[in-house]
Protein backbone atom coordinates (compact mmCIF):
# COMPACT_ATOMS: atom_id res chain seq x y z
CA MET A 1 -32.14 -28.99 -22.09
CA SER A 2 -32.37 -25.62 -23.87
CA ASN A 3 -32.17 -21.95 -23.08
CA THR A 4 -34.39 -19.32 -24.72
CA ILE A 5 -33.27 -15.71 -24.67
CA THR A 6 -34.16 -12.40 -26.26
CA ILE A 7 -32.09 -10.26 -28.58
CA HIS A 8 -31.06 -8.05 -25.65
CA ALA A 9 -29.06 -10.91 -24.20
CA LEU A 10 -27.62 -12.30 -27.40
CA LYS A 11 -24.21 -10.71 -26.97
CA SER A 12 -23.63 -12.31 -23.61
CA VAL A 13 -24.78 -15.68 -24.90
CA GLN A 14 -22.38 -15.51 -27.84
CA GLU A 15 -19.56 -14.59 -25.48
CA GLU A 16 -20.50 -17.49 -23.24
CA ARG A 17 -20.55 -19.84 -26.21
CA ASN A 18 -17.12 -18.61 -27.33
CA GLU A 19 -15.76 -19.09 -23.83
CA ASN A 20 -17.24 -22.58 -23.52
CA MET A 21 -15.93 -23.55 -26.94
CA PHE A 22 -12.44 -22.13 -26.79
CA ARG A 23 -11.36 -21.56 -23.21
CA LYS A 24 -12.11 -25.01 -22.00
CA ASN A 25 -10.09 -27.97 -23.19
CA LYS A 26 -11.61 -30.35 -25.66
CA LEU A 27 -12.74 -32.77 -22.97
CA GLY A 28 -14.48 -29.98 -21.13
CA VAL A 29 -16.33 -29.00 -24.28
CA MET A 30 -17.58 -32.52 -24.83
CA ILE A 31 -18.77 -32.79 -21.24
CA LEU A 32 -20.62 -29.53 -21.67
CA ALA A 33 -22.07 -30.79 -24.94
CA ALA A 34 -23.84 -33.61 -23.14
CA THR A 35 -25.87 -31.20 -21.05
CA LEU A 36 -26.47 -28.07 -23.07
CA MET A 37 -28.36 -27.13 -26.26
CA LEU A 38 -28.32 -23.46 -27.09
CA SER A 39 -31.42 -21.94 -28.66
CA ILE A 40 -31.46 -18.29 -29.69
CA THR A 41 -34.93 -16.87 -30.15
CA VAL A 42 -36.02 -13.43 -31.29
CA THR A 43 -39.46 -12.19 -32.23
CA GLY A 44 -39.38 -9.73 -35.05
CA CYS A 45 -40.46 -6.76 -33.71
CA GLY A 46 -31.45 12.99 -54.78
CA THR A 47 -27.85 13.52 -54.18
CA GLY A 48 -26.61 15.91 -51.61
CA GLY A 49 -30.07 17.02 -50.61
CA SER A 50 -31.20 16.55 -47.00
CA THR A 51 -34.57 17.25 -45.47
CA SER A 52 -35.93 17.68 -41.99
CA THR A 53 -36.86 14.65 -39.90
CA THR A 54 -40.37 16.13 -39.68
CA SER A 55 -40.74 15.87 -43.46
CA LYS A 56 -42.21 12.81 -45.11
CA GLU A 57 -39.02 12.41 -47.13
CA MET A 58 -35.58 11.97 -45.56
CA LYS A 59 -32.64 11.83 -47.94
CA THR A 60 -28.88 11.63 -47.58
CA SER A 61 -25.91 10.89 -49.80
CA TYR A 62 -22.56 9.24 -49.28
CA ASN A 63 -19.53 8.46 -51.39
CA SER A 64 -18.92 4.72 -51.10
CA GLY A 65 -15.97 4.76 -53.51
CA ALA A 66 -15.28 3.33 -56.93
CA GLU A 67 -17.70 1.84 -59.44
CA PRO A 68 -18.41 -1.70 -58.15
CA LYS A 69 -16.72 -4.58 -59.92
CA THR A 70 -19.92 -6.49 -59.27
CA LEU A 71 -22.87 -6.31 -56.89
CA ASP A 72 -23.40 -10.05 -56.92
CA PRO A 73 -22.61 -10.58 -53.22
CA GLN A 74 -21.10 -14.01 -53.82
CA MET A 75 -18.64 -12.62 -56.36
CA SER A 76 -17.47 -9.35 -54.81
CA ASN A 77 -14.57 -8.83 -52.40
CA GLY A 78 -13.97 -5.07 -52.08
CA ILE A 79 -14.98 -2.52 -49.44
CA PRO A 80 -16.83 -0.21 -51.90
CA GLU A 81 -18.95 -3.15 -53.03
CA ALA A 82 -19.51 -4.32 -49.45
CA ILE A 83 -20.86 -0.91 -48.40
CA ASP A 84 -23.35 -0.95 -51.26
CA GLU A 85 -24.36 -4.54 -50.55
CA MET A 86 -24.79 -4.11 -46.81
CA ASN A 87 -27.58 -1.63 -47.46
CA LEU A 88 -29.16 -3.58 -50.30
CA PHE A 89 -29.10 -7.02 -48.71
CA GLU A 90 -29.41 -8.76 -45.38
CA GLY A 91 -28.21 -12.14 -44.22
CA LEU A 92 -29.46 -14.57 -41.64
CA THR A 93 -27.86 -12.23 -39.10
CA ARG A 94 -26.97 -8.53 -39.07
CA LEU A 95 -24.24 -6.84 -37.05
CA ASP A 96 -25.20 -4.37 -34.34
CA LYS A 97 -23.11 -1.30 -33.56
CA ALA A 98 -20.84 -3.42 -31.34
CA SER A 99 -20.14 -5.75 -34.31
CA VAL A 100 -22.11 -8.55 -32.64
CA ALA A 101 -24.33 -10.68 -34.89
CA GLN A 102 -28.06 -10.36 -34.17
CA PRO A 103 -30.86 -12.45 -35.74
CA ALA A 104 -32.09 -10.84 -38.95
CA ILE A 105 -33.72 -12.93 -41.70
CA ALA A 106 -33.42 -15.77 -39.22
CA GLU A 107 -35.73 -15.03 -36.30
CA LYS A 108 -34.65 -18.10 -34.35
CA ILE A 109 -31.30 -19.87 -34.40
CA ASP A 110 -30.69 -23.25 -32.77
CA VAL A 111 -27.05 -24.22 -32.21
CA SER A 112 -26.13 -27.75 -31.17
CA ALA A 113 -24.08 -28.13 -28.02
CA ASP A 114 -21.04 -29.30 -29.98
CA GLY A 115 -21.20 -26.15 -32.12
CA LEU A 116 -21.43 -28.10 -35.38
CA LYS A 117 -25.07 -27.81 -36.39
CA TYR A 118 -26.97 -24.55 -36.87
CA THR A 119 -30.68 -24.56 -37.59
CA PHE A 120 -31.96 -21.23 -38.90
CA HIS A 121 -35.69 -20.59 -38.68
CA LEU A 122 -36.52 -17.87 -41.21
CA ARG A 123 -39.07 -15.16 -40.55
CA ASP A 124 -41.66 -14.19 -43.16
CA SER A 125 -39.76 -11.94 -45.55
CA LYS A 126 -39.65 -10.96 -49.20
CA PHE A 127 -37.25 -9.78 -51.85
CA SER A 128 -37.62 -6.23 -53.14
CA ASN A 129 -39.67 -7.51 -56.11
CA GLY A 130 -42.17 -9.20 -53.77
CA ASP A 131 -40.90 -12.76 -54.23
CA PRO A 132 -40.93 -14.74 -50.97
CA LEU A 133 -37.48 -15.31 -49.47
CA THR A 134 -36.93 -18.98 -48.68
CA ALA A 135 -34.23 -21.25 -47.31
CA GLU A 136 -33.60 -22.42 -50.87
CA ASP A 137 -32.46 -18.90 -51.83
CA PHE A 138 -29.76 -19.04 -49.15
CA LYS A 139 -28.60 -22.49 -50.23
CA PHE A 140 -28.56 -21.41 -53.87
CA ALA A 141 -26.41 -18.35 -53.08
CA TRP A 142 -23.93 -20.21 -50.89
CA MET A 143 -23.55 -23.06 -53.37
CA HIS A 144 -22.90 -20.49 -56.09
CA ALA A 145 -20.07 -19.02 -53.99
CA MET A 146 -18.53 -22.47 -53.49
CA ASP A 147 -19.05 -23.73 -57.05
CA PRO A 148 -15.54 -24.12 -58.54
CA ALA A 149 -16.95 -22.91 -61.88
CA SER A 150 -17.76 -19.55 -60.26
CA ALA A 151 -14.11 -18.91 -59.30
CA ALA A 152 -15.32 -16.67 -56.47
CA GLU A 153 -12.42 -15.05 -54.65
CA TYR A 154 -14.30 -15.40 -51.38
CA ALA A 155 -15.31 -19.04 -51.92
CA TYR A 156 -13.21 -20.06 -48.92
CA GLN A 157 -15.25 -17.76 -46.68
CA VAL A 158 -18.05 -20.32 -47.04
CA SER A 159 -16.40 -23.55 -48.18
CA ASP A 160 -13.79 -23.69 -45.40
CA TYR A 161 -16.46 -23.76 -42.71
CA ILE A 162 -19.39 -25.78 -44.05
CA LYS A 163 -19.04 -29.57 -44.03
CA GLY A 164 -18.04 -30.85 -47.45
CA GLY A 165 -17.64 -27.33 -48.82
CA ALA A 166 -13.88 -27.37 -49.27
CA ALA A 167 -14.00 -30.71 -51.09
CA TYR A 168 -16.76 -29.47 -53.39
CA ASN A 169 -14.86 -26.28 -54.15
CA ALA A 170 -11.70 -28.30 -54.85
CA LYS A 171 -13.63 -30.64 -57.21
CA THR A 172 -12.94 -33.62 -54.95
CA GLY A 173 -16.42 -33.74 -53.45
CA LYS A 174 -20.02 -33.62 -54.57
CA ALA A 175 -22.55 -30.81 -54.21
CA GLU A 176 -25.01 -33.14 -52.51
CA ASP A 177 -22.48 -33.84 -49.74
CA VAL A 178 -22.20 -30.18 -48.71
CA GLY A 179 -23.70 -29.61 -45.25
CA ILE A 180 -26.54 -27.29 -46.28
CA LYS A 181 -29.99 -28.77 -46.00
CA VAL A 182 -33.32 -27.13 -46.75
CA ILE A 183 -35.73 -28.67 -44.25
CA ASP A 184 -38.66 -26.63 -45.53
CA PRO A 185 -39.06 -23.16 -47.09
CA LYS A 186 -38.48 -21.48 -43.72
CA THR A 187 -35.88 -23.81 -42.15
CA LEU A 188 -32.22 -24.06 -43.14
CA GLU A 189 -29.91 -26.58 -41.46
CA VAL A 190 -26.15 -26.00 -41.75
CA THR A 191 -23.50 -28.48 -40.57
CA LEU A 192 -19.97 -27.18 -40.05
CA GLU A 193 -16.68 -29.02 -40.45
CA ASN A 194 -15.50 -27.70 -37.07
CA PRO A 195 -16.88 -25.52 -34.27
CA THR A 196 -16.55 -21.90 -35.40
CA PRO A 197 -17.29 -19.31 -32.70
CA TYR A 198 -17.62 -16.50 -35.23
CA PHE A 199 -19.93 -18.35 -37.63
CA LEU A 200 -22.90 -16.10 -36.83
CA GLU A 201 -20.71 -13.09 -37.68
CA LEU A 202 -19.91 -14.77 -41.00
CA THR A 203 -23.62 -15.14 -41.79
CA ALA A 204 -23.84 -11.34 -41.63
CA PHE A 205 -21.08 -11.04 -44.28
CA PRO A 206 -21.93 -10.29 -47.96
CA THR A 207 -20.81 -13.68 -49.27
CA TYR A 208 -23.59 -15.21 -47.15
CA TYR A 209 -26.34 -12.88 -48.38
CA PRO A 210 -29.28 -14.54 -50.18
CA VAL A 211 -30.14 -13.90 -53.81
CA ASP A 212 -33.45 -14.51 -55.54
CA LYS A 213 -32.90 -17.92 -57.16
CA LYS A 214 -35.72 -17.40 -59.66
CA VAL A 215 -34.30 -14.06 -60.83
CA VAL A 216 -30.67 -15.22 -61.04
CA GLU A 217 -31.53 -18.37 -63.00
CA ALA A 218 -33.55 -16.31 -65.47
CA ASN A 219 -30.87 -13.64 -66.02
CA LYS A 220 -27.17 -14.16 -65.25
CA ASP A 221 -26.61 -10.38 -65.59
CA TRP A 222 -29.34 -9.52 -63.07
CA ASN A 223 -26.95 -7.51 -60.86
CA LEU A 224 -25.63 -5.13 -63.53
CA LYS A 225 -28.48 -2.64 -63.77
CA ALA A 226 -31.25 -1.25 -61.59
CA GLU A 227 -34.07 -2.54 -63.77
CA THR A 228 -33.20 -6.16 -62.99
CA PHE A 229 -31.58 -5.78 -59.57
CA VAL A 230 -33.36 -7.60 -56.75
CA SER A 231 -32.30 -7.56 -53.11
CA ASN A 232 -33.77 -8.11 -49.64
CA GLY A 233 -32.26 -5.43 -47.40
CA PRO A 234 -33.36 -2.10 -45.92
CA PHE A 235 -33.06 -0.41 -49.32
CA LYS A 236 -33.67 -1.33 -52.93
CA MET A 237 -32.01 0.01 -56.06
CA GLN A 238 -33.90 2.73 -57.89
CA SER A 239 -31.24 3.69 -60.44
CA TRP A 240 -27.60 3.06 -61.31
CA ALA A 241 -25.71 5.56 -63.42
CA HIS A 242 -22.47 3.68 -63.88
CA ASN A 243 -19.32 5.47 -62.68
CA ASP A 244 -21.55 8.19 -61.23
CA LYS A 245 -24.04 7.11 -58.56
CA ILE A 246 -26.42 4.45 -57.31
CA VAL A 247 -29.71 5.69 -55.89
CA LEU A 248 -31.35 3.52 -53.25
CA VAL A 249 -34.82 4.00 -51.80
CA LYS A 250 -36.49 2.46 -48.79
CA ASN A 251 -37.52 -1.13 -49.44
CA ASP A 252 -41.13 -1.44 -48.29
CA ASN A 253 -40.88 -5.23 -48.65
CA TYR A 254 -38.09 -5.37 -46.03
CA TRP A 255 -39.30 -7.25 -42.95
CA ASP A 256 -38.12 -4.47 -40.59
CA ALA A 257 -39.08 -1.52 -42.80
CA LYS A 258 -40.51 0.32 -39.81
CA SER A 259 -36.95 0.80 -38.48
CA VAL A 260 -35.74 2.41 -41.71
CA LYS A 261 -36.16 6.19 -41.62
CA LEU A 262 -34.33 7.24 -44.77
CA THR A 263 -36.51 7.39 -47.86
CA GLU A 264 -33.55 7.79 -50.20
CA LEU A 265 -29.83 7.02 -50.01
CA THR A 266 -27.57 8.09 -52.86
CA LEU A 267 -24.25 6.25 -53.04
CA SER A 268 -21.86 8.32 -55.13
CA LEU A 269 -19.18 6.43 -57.07
CA ILE A 270 -16.37 9.00 -56.96
CA GLU A 271 -13.06 7.13 -57.11
CA ASP A 272 -10.97 10.33 -56.93
CA ARG A 273 -10.71 11.21 -53.23
CA LYS A 274 -9.99 14.87 -53.96
CA ALA A 275 -13.12 15.16 -56.06
CA ALA A 276 -15.11 13.42 -53.33
CA VAL A 277 -13.92 15.88 -50.67
CA THR A 278 -14.65 18.80 -53.00
CA ALA A 279 -18.20 17.51 -53.45
CA TYR A 280 -18.53 17.06 -49.69
CA GLU A 281 -17.36 20.58 -48.88
CA ALA A 282 -19.63 21.99 -51.58
CA GLY A 283 -22.61 20.32 -49.89
CA GLN A 284 -23.25 17.96 -52.79
CA ILE A 285 -22.80 14.84 -50.65
CA ASP A 286 -23.12 14.32 -46.90
CA GLY A 287 -20.26 11.89 -46.31
CA VAL A 288 -17.11 10.36 -47.75
CA ASP A 289 -15.74 6.90 -47.07
CA ASN A 290 -12.25 5.51 -47.73
CA GLY A 291 -10.46 8.47 -46.17
CA VAL A 292 -9.52 11.74 -47.78
CA PRO A 293 -6.46 13.04 -49.64
CA ALA A 294 -3.58 13.34 -47.18
CA ASP A 295 -3.17 17.03 -48.05
CA ASP A 296 -6.66 17.68 -46.64
CA ASN A 297 -6.31 15.76 -43.39
CA ALA A 298 -5.07 18.61 -41.19
CA ARG A 299 -7.72 21.07 -42.40
CA LEU A 300 -10.58 18.61 -42.04
CA LEU A 301 -9.40 17.46 -38.62
CA LYS A 302 -9.36 21.06 -37.45
CA SER A 303 -12.85 21.71 -38.77
CA GLY A 304 -14.15 18.54 -37.10
CA ASP A 305 -15.31 17.04 -40.40
CA LEU A 306 -12.73 14.26 -40.44
CA LYS A 307 -13.34 11.35 -38.09
CA VAL A 308 -10.42 9.06 -37.27
CA VAL A 309 -11.32 5.88 -35.40
CA PRO A 310 -9.71 2.44 -34.94
CA GLN A 311 -9.90 -0.03 -37.78
CA ILE A 312 -8.74 -3.62 -38.16
CA GLY A 313 -6.79 -3.35 -41.37
CA THR A 314 -3.30 -3.44 -42.89
CA TYR A 315 -1.84 -1.46 -45.79
CA PHE A 316 0.76 -3.57 -47.59
CA TYR A 317 2.40 -4.42 -50.90
CA ARG A 318 2.08 -7.79 -52.60
CA PHE A 319 4.97 -9.49 -54.37
CA ASN A 320 4.37 -11.65 -57.43
CA VAL A 321 6.50 -14.56 -56.21
CA THR A 322 6.04 -16.45 -59.50
CA LYS A 323 8.20 -13.86 -61.22
CA LYS A 324 11.95 -13.36 -60.91
CA PRO A 325 13.58 -11.86 -58.90
CA TYR A 326 10.59 -11.71 -56.51
CA ASP A 327 10.66 -15.51 -56.18
CA ASP A 328 13.68 -15.07 -53.86
CA PRO A 329 12.72 -14.39 -50.20
CA ARG A 330 15.99 -12.48 -49.73
CA VAL A 331 14.90 -9.95 -52.34
CA ARG A 332 11.50 -9.53 -50.72
CA GLN A 333 13.04 -9.13 -47.28
CA ALA A 334 15.56 -6.57 -48.55
CA LEU A 335 12.83 -4.47 -50.12
CA ALA A 336 10.82 -4.63 -46.89
CA MET A 337 13.71 -3.65 -44.64
CA ALA A 338 14.82 -0.72 -46.80
CA ILE A 339 11.80 1.57 -46.35
CA ASP A 340 11.04 4.05 -43.56
CA ARG A 341 7.46 3.44 -42.48
CA LYS A 342 7.30 6.32 -40.01
CA LYS A 343 8.26 8.72 -42.77
CA ILE A 344 5.46 7.34 -44.95
CA VAL A 345 2.92 7.78 -42.15
CA ASP A 346 4.16 11.23 -41.15
CA THR A 347 4.54 12.70 -44.61
CA VAL A 348 1.68 11.05 -46.47
CA ASN A 349 -1.09 10.07 -44.06
CA GLN A 350 -0.49 12.43 -41.14
CA THR A 351 -3.05 10.62 -38.95
CA ASN A 352 -0.78 8.60 -36.63
CA GLU A 353 -1.06 5.15 -38.18
CA LYS A 354 1.17 2.52 -36.58
CA SER A 355 4.03 1.09 -38.62
CA ALA A 356 3.52 -2.58 -39.51
CA PHE A 357 6.21 -5.19 -38.86
CA ALA A 358 3.75 -8.08 -38.98
CA PHE A 359 0.50 -8.62 -40.86
CA THR A 360 -2.38 -8.96 -38.39
CA PRO A 361 -3.24 -5.51 -37.00
CA TYR A 362 -4.09 -4.30 -33.53
CA GLY A 363 -7.65 -4.52 -32.22
CA ILE A 364 -8.10 -8.31 -32.10
CA HIS A 365 -7.92 -10.28 -28.85
CA ASP A 366 -5.49 -13.10 -28.19
CA ALA A 367 -6.31 -16.24 -26.17
CA ASP A 368 -6.23 -14.04 -23.08
CA PRO A 369 -8.88 -11.41 -23.90
CA SER A 370 -6.99 -8.82 -21.86
CA LYS A 371 -4.19 -9.00 -24.44
CA GLN A 372 -4.12 -8.24 -28.14
CA PHE A 373 -2.99 -10.76 -30.73
CA ARG A 374 -0.56 -8.21 -32.14
CA ASP A 375 1.04 -7.44 -28.76
CA VAL A 376 1.50 -11.14 -28.01
CA GLY A 377 2.95 -11.87 -31.44
CA GLY A 378 5.10 -8.74 -31.55
CA ASP A 379 7.18 -7.70 -34.56
CA TYR A 380 8.72 -10.25 -36.93
CA PHE A 381 11.28 -8.00 -38.61
CA LYS A 382 12.70 -4.50 -38.39
CA GLU A 383 13.98 -1.82 -40.70
CA ASP A 384 17.69 -2.46 -41.21
CA LEU A 385 19.38 -0.92 -44.22
CA ALA A 386 22.71 -2.69 -43.72
CA LYS A 387 21.00 -6.08 -43.59
CA ALA A 388 18.82 -5.18 -46.57
CA LYS A 389 21.91 -4.42 -48.65
CA GLN A 390 23.55 -7.67 -47.58
CA LEU A 391 20.44 -9.70 -48.45
CA LEU A 392 20.28 -8.05 -51.85
CA ALA A 393 23.97 -8.78 -52.48
CA ASP A 394 23.49 -12.40 -51.40
CA ALA A 395 20.64 -12.65 -53.93
CA GLY A 396 23.04 -11.56 -56.68
CA PHE A 397 22.33 -7.82 -56.85
CA PRO A 398 25.11 -5.96 -55.02
CA ASP A 399 24.15 -2.28 -54.67
CA GLY A 400 21.18 -3.03 -56.90
CA LYS A 401 23.31 -3.85 -59.93
CA GLY A 402 21.45 -5.96 -62.46
CA PHE A 403 18.13 -5.65 -60.65
CA PRO A 404 15.27 -5.14 -63.16
CA GLU A 405 13.11 -2.04 -62.87
CA ILE A 406 10.21 -2.60 -60.47
CA LYS A 407 6.77 -1.63 -61.75
CA ILE A 408 4.69 -0.63 -58.71
CA LEU A 409 1.00 -1.25 -59.37
CA PHE A 410 -1.72 0.67 -57.51
CA ASN A 411 -5.32 1.67 -58.09
CA SER A 412 -5.89 5.32 -59.03
CA ASP A 413 -5.80 7.36 -55.85
CA PRO A 414 -3.56 10.28 -54.81
CA ASN A 415 -2.70 8.69 -51.44
CA HIS A 416 -1.58 5.43 -53.04
CA GLU A 417 0.47 7.40 -55.55
CA LYS A 418 2.17 9.37 -52.79
CA VAL A 419 3.04 6.22 -50.86
CA ALA A 420 4.39 4.61 -54.03
CA THR A 421 6.44 7.70 -54.86
CA VAL A 422 8.02 7.76 -51.39
CA ILE A 423 8.84 4.03 -51.56
CA GLN A 424 10.17 4.45 -55.10
CA ASP A 425 12.60 7.09 -53.82
CA MET A 426 13.64 4.97 -50.82
CA TRP A 427 14.40 1.91 -52.94
CA SER A 428 16.44 4.05 -55.31
CA LYS A 429 18.48 5.85 -52.64
CA ASN A 430 18.86 2.95 -50.23
CA LEU A 431 19.31 -0.02 -52.57
CA GLY A 432 20.12 1.41 -55.99
CA ILE A 433 16.95 -0.11 -57.44
CA LYS A 434 14.91 1.82 -59.99
CA SER A 435 11.14 1.57 -60.17
CA SER A 436 8.25 3.07 -62.10
CA LEU A 437 4.62 3.69 -61.20
CA ARG A 438 1.75 1.82 -62.83
CA VAL A 439 -1.73 3.12 -62.06
CA GLU A 440 -5.01 1.41 -63.01
CA GLU A 441 -8.66 2.12 -62.25
CA TRP A 442 -10.26 -0.05 -59.57
CA LYS A 443 -11.75 -2.90 -61.61
CA VAL A 444 -8.73 -3.28 -63.90
CA TYR A 445 -6.36 -3.15 -60.93
CA GLN A 446 -8.31 -5.92 -59.17
CA GLU A 447 -8.12 -8.09 -62.28
CA SER A 448 -4.37 -7.49 -62.59
CA GLU A 449 -3.80 -8.66 -59.02
CA GLN A 450 -6.01 -11.70 -59.46
CA LYS A 451 -4.21 -12.74 -62.66
CA LEU A 452 -0.74 -12.03 -61.18
CA ASN A 453 -0.17 -9.43 -63.85
CA TYR A 454 2.21 -7.28 -61.79
CA ASP A 455 5.65 -7.08 -60.14
CA VAL A 456 4.78 -5.37 -56.85
CA ALA A 457 1.23 -4.24 -56.10
CA ARG A 458 -0.29 -1.97 -53.50
CA ALA A 459 -2.94 -3.74 -51.41
CA GLY A 460 -5.01 -3.33 -48.29
CA TRP A 461 -6.92 -5.81 -46.21
CA ILE A 462 -9.70 -4.99 -43.77
CA GLY A 463 -10.80 -7.80 -41.46
CA ASP A 464 -14.16 -9.44 -42.13
CA TYR A 465 -14.65 -10.44 -38.49
CA MET A 466 -12.83 -9.95 -35.19
CA ASP A 467 -10.42 -12.88 -35.32
CA PRO A 468 -6.82 -13.24 -36.64
CA MET A 469 -8.04 -15.90 -39.06
CA THR A 470 -9.57 -13.22 -41.30
CA PHE A 471 -6.05 -11.94 -42.01
CA LEU A 472 -4.21 -15.23 -42.24
CA ASP A 473 -6.39 -17.75 -44.08
CA MET A 474 -6.27 -15.63 -47.23
CA PHE A 475 -2.66 -16.76 -47.89
CA VAL A 476 -3.21 -20.50 -48.04
CA THR A 477 -2.13 -22.16 -51.27
CA LYS A 478 -4.31 -20.99 -54.16
CA GLY A 479 -6.53 -19.01 -51.80
CA GLY A 480 -8.92 -16.75 -53.72
CA ASN A 481 -7.50 -13.61 -52.10
CA ASN A 482 -3.89 -14.81 -51.91
CA GLN A 483 -2.99 -13.15 -55.24
CA THR A 484 0.78 -13.55 -54.74
CA GLY A 485 1.43 -17.05 -56.07
CA TRP A 486 2.99 -17.93 -52.70
CA SER A 487 2.57 -21.38 -51.20
CA ASN A 488 3.88 -23.00 -48.04
CA PRO A 489 2.66 -26.47 -46.91
CA GLN A 490 3.54 -25.85 -43.27
CA TYR A 491 1.57 -22.61 -43.33
CA ASP A 492 -1.42 -24.40 -44.87
CA THR A 493 -1.27 -27.07 -42.17
CA LEU A 494 -1.20 -24.49 -39.37
CA ILE A 495 -4.19 -22.60 -40.78
CA SER A 496 -6.14 -25.79 -41.32
CA GLY A 497 -5.29 -26.94 -37.81
CA ALA A 498 -6.35 -23.65 -36.27
CA LYS A 499 -9.74 -23.95 -37.96
CA LYS A 500 -10.25 -27.33 -36.29
CA ASN A 501 -8.79 -26.58 -32.87
CA SER A 502 -11.19 -26.00 -29.97
CA ASP A 503 -8.38 -25.22 -27.53
CA ILE A 504 -8.13 -21.45 -27.74
CA LYS A 505 -4.53 -21.23 -26.48
CA ALA A 506 -3.28 -23.88 -28.87
CA ARG A 507 -5.31 -22.36 -31.71
CA MET A 508 -3.86 -18.90 -31.18
CA GLN A 509 -0.35 -20.35 -31.06
CA GLN A 510 -0.96 -22.00 -34.42
CA LEU A 511 -2.01 -18.63 -35.83
CA HIS A 512 1.07 -16.92 -34.37
CA ASP A 513 3.28 -19.63 -35.87
CA ALA A 514 1.60 -19.22 -39.24
CA GLU A 515 2.01 -15.47 -39.22
CA LYS A 516 5.71 -15.83 -38.43
CA ILE A 517 6.14 -18.01 -41.54
CA LEU A 518 4.18 -15.52 -43.65
CA VAL A 519 6.15 -12.47 -42.56
CA THR A 520 9.51 -14.26 -42.64
CA GLU A 521 9.03 -15.50 -46.22
CA MET A 522 7.52 -12.09 -47.04
CA PRO A 523 5.16 -12.65 -50.00
CA VAL A 524 3.64 -9.44 -48.68
CA LEU A 525 5.38 -6.31 -47.44
CA PRO A 526 3.52 -4.81 -44.43
CA ILE A 527 3.65 -1.01 -44.35
CA TYR A 528 1.20 0.33 -41.75
CA TYR A 529 -1.97 -0.51 -39.88
CA TYR A 530 -5.03 1.42 -40.97
CA ASN A 531 -7.07 4.00 -39.14
CA LEU A 532 -10.66 4.39 -40.33
CA LYS A 533 -11.06 7.90 -41.76
CA TYR A 534 -14.30 9.36 -43.04
CA THR A 535 -16.22 12.61 -43.19
CA GLU A 536 -19.85 13.00 -42.26
CA LYS A 537 -22.10 16.02 -41.87
CA SER A 538 -23.21 16.66 -38.29
CA TYR A 539 -26.90 16.47 -39.20
CA VAL A 540 -26.57 12.85 -40.35
CA LYS A 541 -27.19 10.61 -37.34
CA GLY A 542 -27.28 6.88 -36.65
CA VAL A 543 -24.89 5.69 -39.36
CA ILE A 544 -22.80 2.74 -38.14
CA HIS A 545 -19.15 2.72 -39.23
CA PHE A 546 -17.68 -0.68 -38.46
CA PRO A 547 -13.96 -1.33 -37.82
CA THR A 548 -14.21 -3.74 -40.75
CA GLY A 549 -14.91 -0.80 -43.11
CA MET A 550 -18.61 -1.59 -43.62
CA VAL A 551 -21.13 1.26 -43.33
CA ASP A 552 -24.76 0.63 -42.34
CA PHE A 553 -27.52 3.17 -43.03
CA LYS A 554 -30.43 1.07 -41.75
CA THR A 555 -30.87 3.24 -38.64
CA ALA A 556 -29.65 6.53 -40.15
CA THR A 557 -31.63 9.76 -39.86
CA VAL A 558 -31.16 13.32 -41.06
CA GLU A 559 -31.75 16.00 -38.44
CA LYS A 560 -31.48 19.32 -40.19
């Protein structure tokens, strides 16, 4: 028995599937599985300059942030890269403005009743160079992400869900045993390890984007310059002036090109927020992502240029727990308890962020959808200077004596520097610990974190999908985005169990228990929960700003 629905009803069907999968007990799910097969069917229906919607050309520009580390979607893991990639590529699904996955390159999606097998039926589509897009291109891209030789930081985003993927990534399994099967050029069958209610949201994520197998095999550096760059999304790359701008133009080979109104989208690569705001106010660019310098917040809020909306993200510091004295949880806890988060928010950000005393932010539902995961979990520690001093003394550093100078690493940005300066002063006054600031440009900073070449490092994490797992599975032992050296077997077991558990209440409890371990052992120091801050000219319409930090220009227009 199967149900066939249109795209207009897809959200309700996904919600129903989630409810069936997670709200019922395991027995109930299996009973349901005997009678239901879900089938989802859809029929495919210059910088700074802006022109009228009545003109043949429609251009806009936007500062996406720093020069990308890479635009190979399987190898990137930063928000600036993700913004670029979301407009250059498209996965089997694409998120709508409510962050719900809708069929994209897949025009029909069959999901088995037990939630383990997904069959994606691909529509007729091409890459920007005219090559046909096939199921093999998806398999090739996903296997590249999981290949242990690739050392992709986001490998787990694919390997943890697809049957046999984790074993292959860990070099204990074979590539041929991974649950990705090309039935024919237009049919891709994917078998999961466990039912995953947000799997269709994952297939809209950059790590799951397809790449042109023929192009990649012919040139391993295909993604480093416009002349060789091939994608399949609403836009294609026209030029790339490194550390300056990437110019995209409408991709006429995109299957839904009729929905794309912009003829040109310039993505500026201005890492300095102050310079980006200056360019915005001078009319050189139409929008700025990644917030603005704190000193400009009040003025831009008053003018209406600054938009502040909810975001699922946490600003935190990482500890290198492989290095003394940060290998001692008492030291990490003392440093966390000795800072005043409200002062940081009030004096630096000035946009009412909430102080963080856990890791997973607000905005994600718990087992009871009327409650938030963060409210149910609550806080796991509090600011307590007396206790911080006692913990430091117990660790062998009374009043900070003998404690080595902390080098605080952050990527070049005035806001990060201000936060680091405030924390530097607090640690000095409250604990007697001296620290110095170490600033690096985006790509170098990312490499330093990955290689554990730091003492304490500024970090931020924006959720990839609307589930606590996106914040917690990154800290499993040797996780690609762990980048602290921390490991806890009990934590690993809880995360693994939560990925297998179809009982939503039990699953959420496992995630709460895991988070408690994480925040108690403190390999990371939570500081505050993000707000999404951006500027955008009033004549730019239809841009989607997701709470995950992604920005989609597919439906954007310029009305000036």
